[in-house]
Amino acid sequence: MYNKAKKYVYPYVILIAVLVGLSVFLFFQVEFYNGLYSVHTANINVSGLCTANKTSMLFFYSDNCQSCKTEYSAFRNTTSLFGLWSGDRFYSQYFCAYSVNMSQYAVNSSDVFAPPESISIFDAYSGSRVPFIVFGGRYYKIGGFQSSADADSEILKYVCLSINSTTGQCS
């Protein structure tokens, strides 16, 4: 009878150990991705990206990225509160902004309007993941937001923090 009980206990103990190990692994994976997709503080050198010593906002996206469309729209809408987009060019008294389509850049880099230094920033900080936003070199975020409303409010928050602005758009 004792041997029969051992025969049933060992598989359950092994199953429980595997489930605990898997749970711990998945917990750390979730923590890793939560940390990766949060907004990080940084000291990224964005000098030379913009004339007149204005700060620079960079948004990198791809055609085959699901969350990029929502974030692209939010980035353009939010930065439009501070200036004007004309095609791929942004004009503002507050900062420079660039939206860089990495799919198009991979096909023909000369078709993409972006300072060459911006690509080295993408290579150094994004881990080749899009969407990727750099807010004035002070903050960056890899990955999308939960919703378009979150994208709009978070992008506005970090644009305002990056330009140290108390303008009407930031209050």
N, C-alpha and C. Protein backbone atom coordinates (compact mmCIF):
# COMPACT_ATOMS: atom_id res chain seq x y z
N MET A 1 0.82 -1.19 0.00
CA MET A 1 0.00 0.00 0.00
C MET A 1 0.87 1.27 0.00
N TYR A 2 1.97 1.25 0.79
CA TYR A 2 2.87 2.40 0.85
C TYR A 2 3.49 2.68 -0.52
N ASN A 3 3.92 1.65 -1.24
CA ASN A 3 4.51 1.82 -2.57
C ASN A 3 3.50 2.36 -3.56
N LYS A 4 2.25 1.94 -3.42
CA LYS A 4 1.20 2.42 -4.32
C LYS A 4 0.97 3.92 -4.10
N ALA A 5 1.01 4.40 -2.87
CA ALA A 5 0.85 5.82 -2.56
C ALA A 5 2.02 6.63 -3.11
N LYS A 6 3.24 6.10 -2.97
CA LYS A 6 4.43 6.79 -3.49
C LYS A 6 4.34 6.95 -5.00
N LYS A 7 3.76 5.95 -5.65
CA LYS A 7 3.62 5.97 -7.09
C LYS A 7 2.74 7.15 -7.54
N TYR A 8 1.77 7.54 -6.73
CA TYR A 8 0.89 8.65 -7.07
C TYR A 8 1.42 9.99 -6.57
N VAL A 9 2.14 10.00 -5.49
CA VAL A 9 2.63 11.26 -4.91
C VAL A 9 3.74 11.87 -5.75
N TYR A 10 4.68 11.08 -6.21
CA TYR A 10 5.81 11.61 -6.96
C TYR A 10 5.39 12.37 -8.22
N PRO A 11 4.50 11.86 -9.03
CA PRO A 11 4.09 12.64 -10.22
C PRO A 11 3.44 13.98 -9.84
N TYR A 12 2.66 13.99 -8.76
CA TYR A 12 2.02 15.24 -8.34
C TYR A 12 3.04 16.24 -7.80
N VAL A 13 4.01 15.76 -7.08
CA VAL A 13 5.07 16.64 -6.58
C VAL A 13 5.84 17.23 -7.75
N ILE A 14 6.16 16.40 -8.72
CA ILE A 14 6.88 16.89 -9.90
C ILE A 14 6.01 17.89 -10.66
N LEU A 15 4.73 17.59 -10.82
CA LEU A 15 3.83 18.51 -11.51
C LEU A 15 3.74 19.85 -10.79
N ILE A 16 3.63 19.84 -9.50
CA ILE A 16 3.57 21.07 -8.70
C ILE A 16 4.88 21.84 -8.84
N ALA A 17 6.00 21.17 -8.80
CA ALA A 17 7.30 21.83 -8.94
C ALA A 17 7.42 22.48 -10.32
N VAL A 18 6.98 21.80 -11.35
CA VAL A 18 7.02 22.36 -12.71
C VAL A 18 6.10 23.58 -12.80
N LEU A 19 4.91 23.50 -12.23
CA LEU A 19 3.98 24.63 -12.27
C LEU A 19 4.52 25.83 -11.49
N VAL A 20 5.14 25.60 -10.35
CA VAL A 20 5.74 26.70 -9.58
C VAL A 20 6.88 27.32 -10.38
N GLY A 21 7.73 26.48 -10.98
CA GLY A 21 8.83 27.00 -11.80
C GLY A 21 8.33 27.81 -12.98
N LEU A 22 7.30 27.31 -13.66
CA LEU A 22 6.71 28.03 -14.78
C LEU A 22 6.09 29.34 -14.33
N SER A 23 5.42 29.34 -13.19
CA SER A 23 4.82 30.57 -12.66
C SER A 23 5.88 31.62 -12.36
N VAL A 24 6.96 31.20 -11.74
CA VAL A 24 8.05 32.14 -11.43
C VAL A 24 8.65 32.69 -12.72
N PHE A 25 8.89 31.82 -13.70
CA PHE A 25 9.43 32.25 -14.99
C PHE A 25 8.51 33.27 -15.65
N LEU A 26 7.22 32.97 -15.72
CA LEU A 26 6.27 33.89 -16.35
C LEU A 26 6.15 35.21 -15.60
N PHE A 27 6.22 35.16 -14.28
CA PHE A 27 6.19 36.40 -13.49
C PHE A 27 7.35 37.31 -13.88
N PHE A 28 8.54 36.76 -13.98
CA PHE A 28 9.70 37.58 -14.33
C PHE A 28 9.65 38.04 -15.78
N GLN A 29 9.06 37.24 -16.66
CA GLN A 29 8.89 37.68 -18.04
C GLN A 29 7.94 38.87 -18.11
N VAL A 30 6.83 38.80 -17.39
CA VAL A 30 5.87 39.91 -17.36
C VAL A 30 6.53 41.16 -16.78
N GLU A 31 7.27 41.01 -15.70
CA GLU A 31 7.98 42.14 -15.11
C GLU A 31 8.98 42.75 -16.09
N PHE A 32 9.69 41.89 -16.83
CA PHE A 32 10.66 42.37 -17.82
C PHE A 32 9.95 43.20 -18.88
N TYR A 33 8.86 42.69 -19.44
CA TYR A 33 8.17 43.42 -20.50
C TYR A 33 7.47 44.67 -19.97
N ASN A 34 6.94 44.63 -18.76
CA ASN A 34 6.37 45.84 -18.18
C ASN A 34 7.44 46.92 -18.03
N GLY A 35 8.62 46.52 -17.59
CA GLY A 35 9.72 47.47 -17.46
C GLY A 35 10.18 47.98 -18.81
N LEU A 36 10.22 47.11 -19.79
CA LEU A 36 10.67 47.49 -21.13
C LEU A 36 9.72 48.50 -21.75
N TYR A 37 8.42 48.31 -21.58
CA TYR A 37 7.44 49.15 -22.24
C TYR A 37 7.01 50.36 -21.42
N SER A 38 7.64 50.61 -20.30
CA SER A 38 7.33 51.82 -19.54
C SER A 38 8.18 52.98 -20.07
N VAL A 39 7.89 54.18 -19.63
CA VAL A 39 8.68 55.34 -20.02
C VAL A 39 9.93 55.37 -19.14
N HIS A 40 11.08 55.48 -19.77
CA HIS A 40 12.35 55.48 -19.06
C HIS A 40 12.96 56.88 -19.09
N THR A 41 13.63 57.24 -18.00
CA THR A 41 14.41 58.48 -18.03
C THR A 41 15.73 58.17 -18.71
N ALA A 42 16.30 59.18 -19.34
CA ALA A 42 17.52 58.95 -20.11
C ALA A 42 18.28 60.26 -20.24
N ASN A 43 19.47 60.14 -20.73
CA ASN A 43 20.29 61.30 -21.10
C ASN A 43 20.81 61.03 -22.50
N ILE A 44 19.91 61.04 -23.47
CA ILE A 44 20.25 60.76 -24.86
C ILE A 44 20.68 62.06 -25.52
N ASN A 45 21.81 62.02 -26.17
CA ASN A 45 22.31 63.21 -26.84
C ASN A 45 21.51 63.46 -28.12
N VAL A 46 20.66 64.48 -28.08
CA VAL A 46 19.86 64.84 -29.25
C VAL A 46 20.33 66.16 -29.85
N SER A 47 21.49 66.64 -29.40
CA SER A 47 22.01 67.87 -29.98
C SER A 47 22.37 67.62 -31.44
N GLY A 48 22.17 68.61 -32.23
CA GLY A 48 22.44 68.48 -33.65
C GLY A 48 21.25 68.00 -34.46
N LEU A 49 20.19 67.56 -33.79
CA LEU A 49 19.00 67.14 -34.51
C LEU A 49 18.13 68.33 -34.89
N CYS A 50 18.28 69.41 -34.17
CA CYS A 50 17.39 70.55 -34.35
C CYS A 50 18.21 71.84 -34.30
N THR A 51 17.86 72.78 -35.13
CA THR A 51 18.54 74.07 -35.12
C THR A 51 18.02 74.94 -33.99
N ALA A 52 18.68 76.01 -33.71
CA ALA A 52 18.28 77.00 -32.72
C ALA A 52 18.18 76.42 -31.31
N ASN A 53 18.93 75.37 -31.02
CA ASN A 53 18.98 74.76 -29.69
C ASN A 53 17.62 74.36 -29.14
N LYS A 54 16.69 74.03 -30.01
CA LYS A 54 15.40 73.49 -29.56
C LYS A 54 15.58 72.00 -29.26
N THR A 55 14.72 71.50 -28.42
CA THR A 55 14.76 70.08 -28.12
C THR A 55 14.11 69.30 -29.27
N SER A 56 14.35 68.00 -29.30
CA SER A 56 13.84 67.17 -30.39
C SER A 56 12.97 66.03 -29.86
N MET A 57 11.87 65.78 -30.56
CA MET A 57 11.01 64.64 -30.28
C MET A 57 11.13 63.70 -31.47
N LEU A 58 11.39 62.44 -31.19
CA LEU A 58 11.56 61.44 -32.25
C LEU A 58 10.53 60.33 -32.08
N PHE A 59 9.88 59.98 -33.18
CA PHE A 59 8.95 58.87 -33.16
C PHE A 59 9.31 57.92 -34.29
N PHE A 60 9.60 56.67 -33.95
CA PHE A 60 9.95 55.65 -34.92
C PHE A 60 8.81 54.63 -34.99
N TYR A 61 8.41 54.30 -36.20
CA TYR A 61 7.31 53.36 -36.38
C TYR A 61 7.58 52.50 -37.60
N SER A 62 6.69 51.55 -37.84
CA SER A 62 6.83 50.65 -38.97
C SER A 62 5.45 50.38 -39.56
N ASP A 63 5.42 50.04 -40.83
CA ASP A 63 4.15 49.75 -41.50
C ASP A 63 3.50 48.47 -40.99
N ASN A 64 4.29 47.54 -40.51
CA ASN A 64 3.75 46.24 -40.09
C ASN A 64 3.61 46.13 -38.58
N CYS A 65 3.49 47.24 -37.90
CA CYS A 65 3.38 47.28 -36.43
C CYS A 65 1.94 47.63 -36.06
N GLN A 66 1.28 46.78 -35.27
CA GLN A 66 -0.13 46.99 -34.95
C GLN A 66 -0.37 48.24 -34.11
N SER A 67 0.43 48.46 -33.08
CA SER A 67 0.18 49.61 -32.21
C SER A 67 0.76 50.91 -32.77
N CYS A 68 1.55 50.81 -33.84
CA CYS A 68 2.17 52.02 -34.40
C CYS A 68 1.16 53.01 -34.97
N LYS A 69 0.09 52.51 -35.57
CA LYS A 69 -0.89 53.41 -36.18
C LYS A 69 -1.54 54.30 -35.13
N THR A 70 -1.92 53.71 -34.02
CA THR A 70 -2.54 54.48 -32.93
C THR A 70 -1.54 55.47 -32.36
N GLU A 71 -0.33 55.02 -32.12
CA GLU A 71 0.67 55.89 -31.52
C GLU A 71 1.13 56.97 -32.50
N TYR A 72 1.21 56.64 -33.78
CA TYR A 72 1.58 57.62 -34.80
C TYR A 72 0.55 58.75 -34.83
N SER A 73 -0.71 58.38 -34.83
CA SER A 73 -1.77 59.37 -34.82
C SER A 73 -1.71 60.24 -33.56
N ALA A 74 -1.50 59.61 -32.42
CA ALA A 74 -1.40 60.36 -31.16
C ALA A 74 -0.19 61.29 -31.17
N PHE A 75 0.93 60.82 -31.67
CA PHE A 75 2.15 61.65 -31.73
C PHE A 75 1.93 62.87 -32.61
N ARG A 76 1.37 62.66 -33.78
CA ARG A 76 1.13 63.79 -34.70
C ARG A 76 0.08 64.75 -34.12
N ASN A 77 -1.00 64.21 -33.55
CA ASN A 77 -2.03 65.08 -32.97
C ASN A 77 -1.49 65.89 -31.80
N THR A 78 -0.75 65.24 -30.94
CA THR A 78 -0.24 65.92 -29.74
C THR A 78 0.81 66.96 -30.10
N THR A 79 1.75 66.61 -30.96
CA THR A 79 2.76 67.60 -31.34
C THR A 79 2.13 68.74 -32.13
N SER A 80 1.01 68.49 -32.80
CA SER A 80 0.32 69.55 -33.54
C SER A 80 -0.24 70.63 -32.63
N LEU A 81 -0.36 70.34 -31.36
CA LEU A 81 -0.77 71.37 -30.40
C LEU A 81 0.30 72.46 -30.27
N PHE A 82 1.53 72.14 -30.65
CA PHE A 82 2.65 73.05 -30.48
C PHE A 82 3.19 73.58 -31.80
N GLY A 83 2.70 73.10 -32.91
CA GLY A 83 3.23 73.51 -34.21
C GLY A 83 2.41 72.93 -35.34
N LEU A 84 3.03 72.84 -36.50
CA LEU A 84 2.33 72.43 -37.72
C LEU A 84 3.13 71.35 -38.44
N TRP A 85 2.45 70.29 -38.81
CA TRP A 85 3.04 69.25 -39.65
C TRP A 85 2.73 69.58 -41.10
N SER A 86 3.73 69.54 -41.94
CA SER A 86 3.55 69.67 -43.38
C SER A 86 4.23 68.47 -44.02
N GLY A 87 3.44 67.46 -44.35
CA GLY A 87 4.02 66.20 -44.81
C GLY A 87 4.77 65.55 -43.65
N ASP A 88 6.04 65.27 -43.85
CA ASP A 88 6.88 64.68 -42.81
C ASP A 88 7.67 65.72 -42.03
N ARG A 89 7.44 66.99 -42.28
CA ARG A 89 8.20 68.05 -41.61
C ARG A 89 7.32 68.75 -40.58
N PHE A 90 7.94 69.07 -39.46
CA PHE A 90 7.23 69.71 -38.36
C PHE A 90 7.84 71.08 -38.11
N TYR A 91 7.00 72.09 -37.93
CA TYR A 91 7.45 73.45 -37.69
C TYR A 91 6.84 73.96 -36.38
N SER A 92 7.72 74.40 -35.48
CA SER A 92 7.25 74.86 -34.17
C SER A 92 8.29 75.78 -33.55
N GLN A 93 7.83 76.66 -32.70
CA GLN A 93 8.76 77.51 -31.95
C GLN A 93 9.27 76.81 -30.70
N TYR A 94 8.64 75.69 -30.33
CA TYR A 94 8.96 75.00 -29.09
C TYR A 94 9.99 73.89 -29.25
N PHE A 95 9.85 73.08 -30.28
CA PHE A 95 10.73 71.93 -30.45
C PHE A 95 10.67 71.44 -31.89
N CYS A 96 11.58 70.54 -32.23
CA CYS A 96 11.57 69.84 -33.52
C CYS A 96 10.98 68.45 -33.29
N ALA A 97 10.26 67.96 -34.25
CA ALA A 97 9.70 66.61 -34.15
C ALA A 97 9.92 65.88 -35.46
N TYR A 98 10.22 64.61 -35.33
CA TYR A 98 10.44 63.76 -36.49
C TYR A 98 9.67 62.48 -36.30
N SER A 99 8.97 62.05 -37.35
CA SER A 99 8.35 60.72 -37.35
C SER A 99 9.04 59.94 -38.45
N VAL A 100 9.66 58.84 -38.06
CA VAL A 100 10.52 58.08 -38.97
C VAL A 100 9.92 56.70 -39.22
N ASN A 101 9.55 56.45 -40.46
CA ASN A 101 9.01 55.15 -40.85
C ASN A 101 10.19 54.21 -41.12
N MET A 102 10.44 53.28 -40.20
CA MET A 102 11.60 52.40 -40.31
C MET A 102 11.43 51.38 -41.43
N SER A 103 10.20 51.03 -41.81
CA SER A 103 9.98 50.14 -42.96
C SER A 103 10.44 50.83 -44.23
N GLN A 104 10.04 52.08 -44.38
CA GLN A 104 10.43 52.84 -45.56
C GLN A 104 11.93 53.11 -45.53
N TYR A 105 12.47 53.38 -44.36
CA TYR A 105 13.91 53.63 -44.23
C TYR A 105 14.72 52.41 -44.66
N ALA A 106 14.24 51.22 -44.33
CA ALA A 106 14.94 49.99 -44.70
C ALA A 106 14.95 49.79 -46.22
N VAL A 107 13.90 50.24 -46.89
CA VAL A 107 13.82 50.10 -48.34
C VAL A 107 14.68 51.15 -49.04
N ASN A 108 14.52 52.41 -48.62
CA ASN A 108 15.26 53.50 -49.25
C ASN A 108 15.41 54.64 -48.24
N SER A 109 16.55 54.70 -47.60
CA SER A 109 16.76 55.69 -46.54
C SER A 109 16.68 57.12 -47.03
N SER A 110 16.97 57.36 -48.30
CA SER A 110 16.92 58.74 -48.80
C SER A 110 15.49 59.26 -48.94
N ASP A 111 14.49 58.36 -48.90
CA ASP A 111 13.09 58.79 -48.98
C ASP A 111 12.53 59.24 -47.64
N VAL A 112 13.29 59.06 -46.57
CA VAL A 112 12.80 59.34 -45.22
C VAL A 112 13.45 60.63 -44.72
N PHE A 113 12.60 61.56 -44.27
CA PHE A 113 13.11 62.81 -43.72
C PHE A 113 13.40 62.63 -42.24
N ALA A 114 14.68 62.51 -41.93
CA ALA A 114 15.12 62.39 -40.55
C ALA A 114 16.62 62.65 -40.50
N PRO A 115 17.07 63.31 -39.45
CA PRO A 115 18.52 63.51 -39.32
C PRO A 115 19.23 62.16 -39.20
N PRO A 116 20.39 62.03 -39.80
CA PRO A 116 21.12 60.75 -39.70
C PRO A 116 21.39 60.33 -38.26
N GLU A 117 21.58 61.29 -37.36
CA GLU A 117 21.85 60.97 -35.95
C GLU A 117 20.67 60.25 -35.30
N SER A 118 19.47 60.49 -35.83
CA SER A 118 18.28 59.87 -35.23
C SER A 118 18.32 58.35 -35.39
N ILE A 119 18.87 57.87 -36.48
CA ILE A 119 18.94 56.42 -36.71
C ILE A 119 19.91 55.78 -35.71
N SER A 120 20.99 56.46 -35.39
CA SER A 120 21.92 55.90 -34.39
C SER A 120 21.27 55.87 -33.01
N ILE A 121 20.39 56.82 -32.71
CA ILE A 121 19.64 56.79 -31.44
C ILE A 121 18.69 55.59 -31.44
N PHE A 122 18.02 55.37 -32.55
CA PHE A 122 17.13 54.21 -32.67
C PHE A 122 17.92 52.91 -32.45
N ASP A 123 19.05 52.80 -33.11
CA ASP A 123 19.87 51.59 -32.98
C ASP A 123 20.36 51.38 -31.56
N ALA A 124 20.71 52.45 -30.87
CA ALA A 124 21.29 52.34 -29.53
C ALA A 124 20.27 52.05 -28.44
N TYR A 125 19.04 52.53 -28.57
CA TYR A 125 18.09 52.46 -27.46
C TYR A 125 16.85 51.61 -27.69
N SER A 126 16.47 51.33 -28.92
CA SER A 126 15.19 50.68 -29.16
C SER A 126 15.22 49.17 -29.12
N GLY A 127 16.40 48.57 -29.26
CA GLY A 127 16.45 47.12 -29.39
C GLY A 127 15.73 46.68 -30.67
N SER A 128 15.70 47.55 -31.68
CA SER A 128 15.03 47.32 -32.96
C SER A 128 13.53 47.12 -32.81
N ARG A 129 12.96 47.65 -31.73
CA ARG A 129 11.51 47.55 -31.51
C ARG A 129 10.83 48.87 -31.84
N VAL A 130 9.65 48.76 -32.42
CA VAL A 130 8.81 49.92 -32.67
C VAL A 130 7.43 49.63 -32.09
N PRO A 131 6.66 50.64 -31.78
CA PRO A 131 6.98 52.05 -31.81
C PRO A 131 8.00 52.42 -30.73
N PHE A 132 8.77 53.44 -31.04
CA PHE A 132 9.82 53.92 -30.14
C PHE A 132 9.78 55.44 -30.18
N ILE A 133 9.64 56.07 -29.00
CA ILE A 133 9.57 57.53 -28.91
C ILE A 133 10.69 58.02 -28.01
N VAL A 134 11.33 59.11 -28.44
CA VAL A 134 12.32 59.81 -27.60
C VAL A 134 11.78 61.22 -27.38
N PHE A 135 11.62 61.57 -26.12
CA PHE A 135 11.12 62.90 -25.74
C PHE A 135 12.30 63.76 -25.30
N GLY A 136 12.81 64.56 -26.21
CA GLY A 136 13.84 65.53 -25.87
C GLY A 136 15.13 64.94 -25.30
N GLY A 137 15.35 63.68 -25.48
CA GLY A 137 16.55 63.05 -24.93
C GLY A 137 16.44 62.75 -23.45
N ARG A 138 15.37 63.22 -22.81
CA ARG A 138 15.20 63.04 -21.37
C ARG A 138 14.39 61.79 -21.02
N TYR A 139 13.55 61.36 -21.95
CA TYR A 139 12.69 60.21 -21.73
C TYR A 139 12.59 59.41 -23.03
N TYR A 140 12.35 58.11 -22.89
CA TYR A 140 12.04 57.32 -24.07
C TYR A 140 11.10 56.19 -23.70
N LYS A 141 10.37 55.71 -24.71
CA LYS A 141 9.43 54.62 -24.50
C LYS A 141 9.47 53.70 -25.70
N ILE A 142 9.55 52.41 -25.42
CA ILE A 142 9.46 51.38 -26.44
C ILE A 142 8.08 50.73 -26.30
N GLY A 143 7.40 50.54 -27.42
CA GLY A 143 6.11 49.87 -27.39
C GLY A 143 4.94 50.83 -27.32
N GLY A 144 3.76 50.28 -27.53
CA GLY A 144 2.55 51.08 -27.58
C GLY A 144 1.95 51.36 -26.22
N PHE A 145 0.82 52.05 -26.25
CA PHE A 145 0.05 52.38 -25.06
C PHE A 145 -1.18 51.51 -25.02
N GLN A 146 -1.86 51.49 -23.88
CA GLN A 146 -3.06 50.67 -23.70
C GLN A 146 -4.19 51.09 -24.64
N SER A 147 -4.32 52.41 -24.86
CA SER A 147 -5.40 52.93 -25.69
C SER A 147 -4.94 54.22 -26.35
N SER A 148 -5.73 54.71 -27.29
CA SER A 148 -5.37 55.97 -27.94
C SER A 148 -5.47 57.14 -26.97
N ALA A 149 -6.41 57.09 -26.02
CA ALA A 149 -6.52 58.15 -25.01
C ALA A 149 -5.27 58.17 -24.13
N ASP A 150 -4.80 56.98 -23.74
CA ASP A 150 -3.55 56.90 -22.95
C ASP A 150 -2.39 57.44 -23.76
N ALA A 151 -2.33 57.10 -25.03
CA ALA A 151 -1.24 57.58 -25.89
C ALA A 151 -1.25 59.10 -25.95
N ASP A 152 -2.41 59.69 -26.19
CA ASP A 152 -2.51 61.15 -26.27
C ASP A 152 -2.06 61.81 -24.97
N SER A 153 -2.57 61.34 -23.85
CA SER A 153 -2.25 62.01 -22.58
C SER A 153 -0.80 61.78 -22.17
N GLU A 154 -0.27 60.58 -22.37
CA GLU A 154 1.12 60.32 -21.99
C GLU A 154 2.11 61.05 -22.89
N ILE A 155 1.83 61.10 -24.18
CA ILE A 155 2.71 61.83 -25.09
C ILE A 155 2.70 63.31 -24.73
N LEU A 156 1.54 63.87 -24.47
CA LEU A 156 1.46 65.28 -24.06
C LEU A 156 2.24 65.51 -22.77
N LYS A 157 2.07 64.63 -21.82
CA LYS A 157 2.77 64.77 -20.54
C LYS A 157 4.28 64.82 -20.74
N TYR A 158 4.83 63.90 -21.53
CA TYR A 158 6.28 63.84 -21.68
C TYR A 158 6.82 64.90 -22.64
N VAL A 159 6.02 65.35 -23.58
CA VAL A 159 6.43 66.50 -24.40
C VAL A 159 6.56 67.72 -23.49
N CYS A 160 5.56 67.95 -22.65
CA CYS A 160 5.59 69.11 -21.75
C CYS A 160 6.75 69.02 -20.75
N LEU A 161 7.00 67.85 -20.21
CA LEU A 161 8.14 67.68 -19.31
C LEU A 161 9.46 67.94 -20.04
N SER A 162 9.54 67.52 -21.29
CA SER A 162 10.78 67.67 -22.05
C SER A 162 11.10 69.10 -22.41
N ILE A 163 10.08 69.88 -22.64
CA ILE A 163 10.32 71.28 -23.02
C ILE A 163 10.14 72.22 -21.84
N ASN A 164 9.92 71.68 -20.65
CA ASN A 164 9.73 72.48 -19.45
C ASN A 164 8.72 73.60 -19.68
N SER A 165 7.59 73.24 -20.24
CA SER A 165 6.63 74.25 -20.65
C SER A 165 5.46 74.38 -19.68
N THR A 166 5.03 75.61 -19.53
CA THR A 166 3.80 75.90 -18.79
C THR A 166 2.80 76.57 -19.72
N THR A 167 2.97 76.34 -21.03
CA THR A 167 2.05 76.92 -22.00
C THR A 167 0.65 76.37 -21.78
N GLY A 168 -0.31 76.95 -22.45
CA GLY A 168 -1.70 76.51 -22.31
C GLY A 168 -1.90 75.04 -22.66
N GLN A 169 -1.12 74.53 -23.61
CA GLN A 169 -1.25 73.14 -24.01
C GLN A 169 -0.86 72.20 -22.87
N CYS A 170 0.05 72.66 -22.01
CA CYS A 170 0.60 71.80 -20.96
C CYS A 170 -0.11 71.94 -19.62
N SER A 171 -1.02 72.89 -19.49
CA SER A 171 -1.66 73.06 -18.19
C SER A 171 -2.85 72.18 -18.01
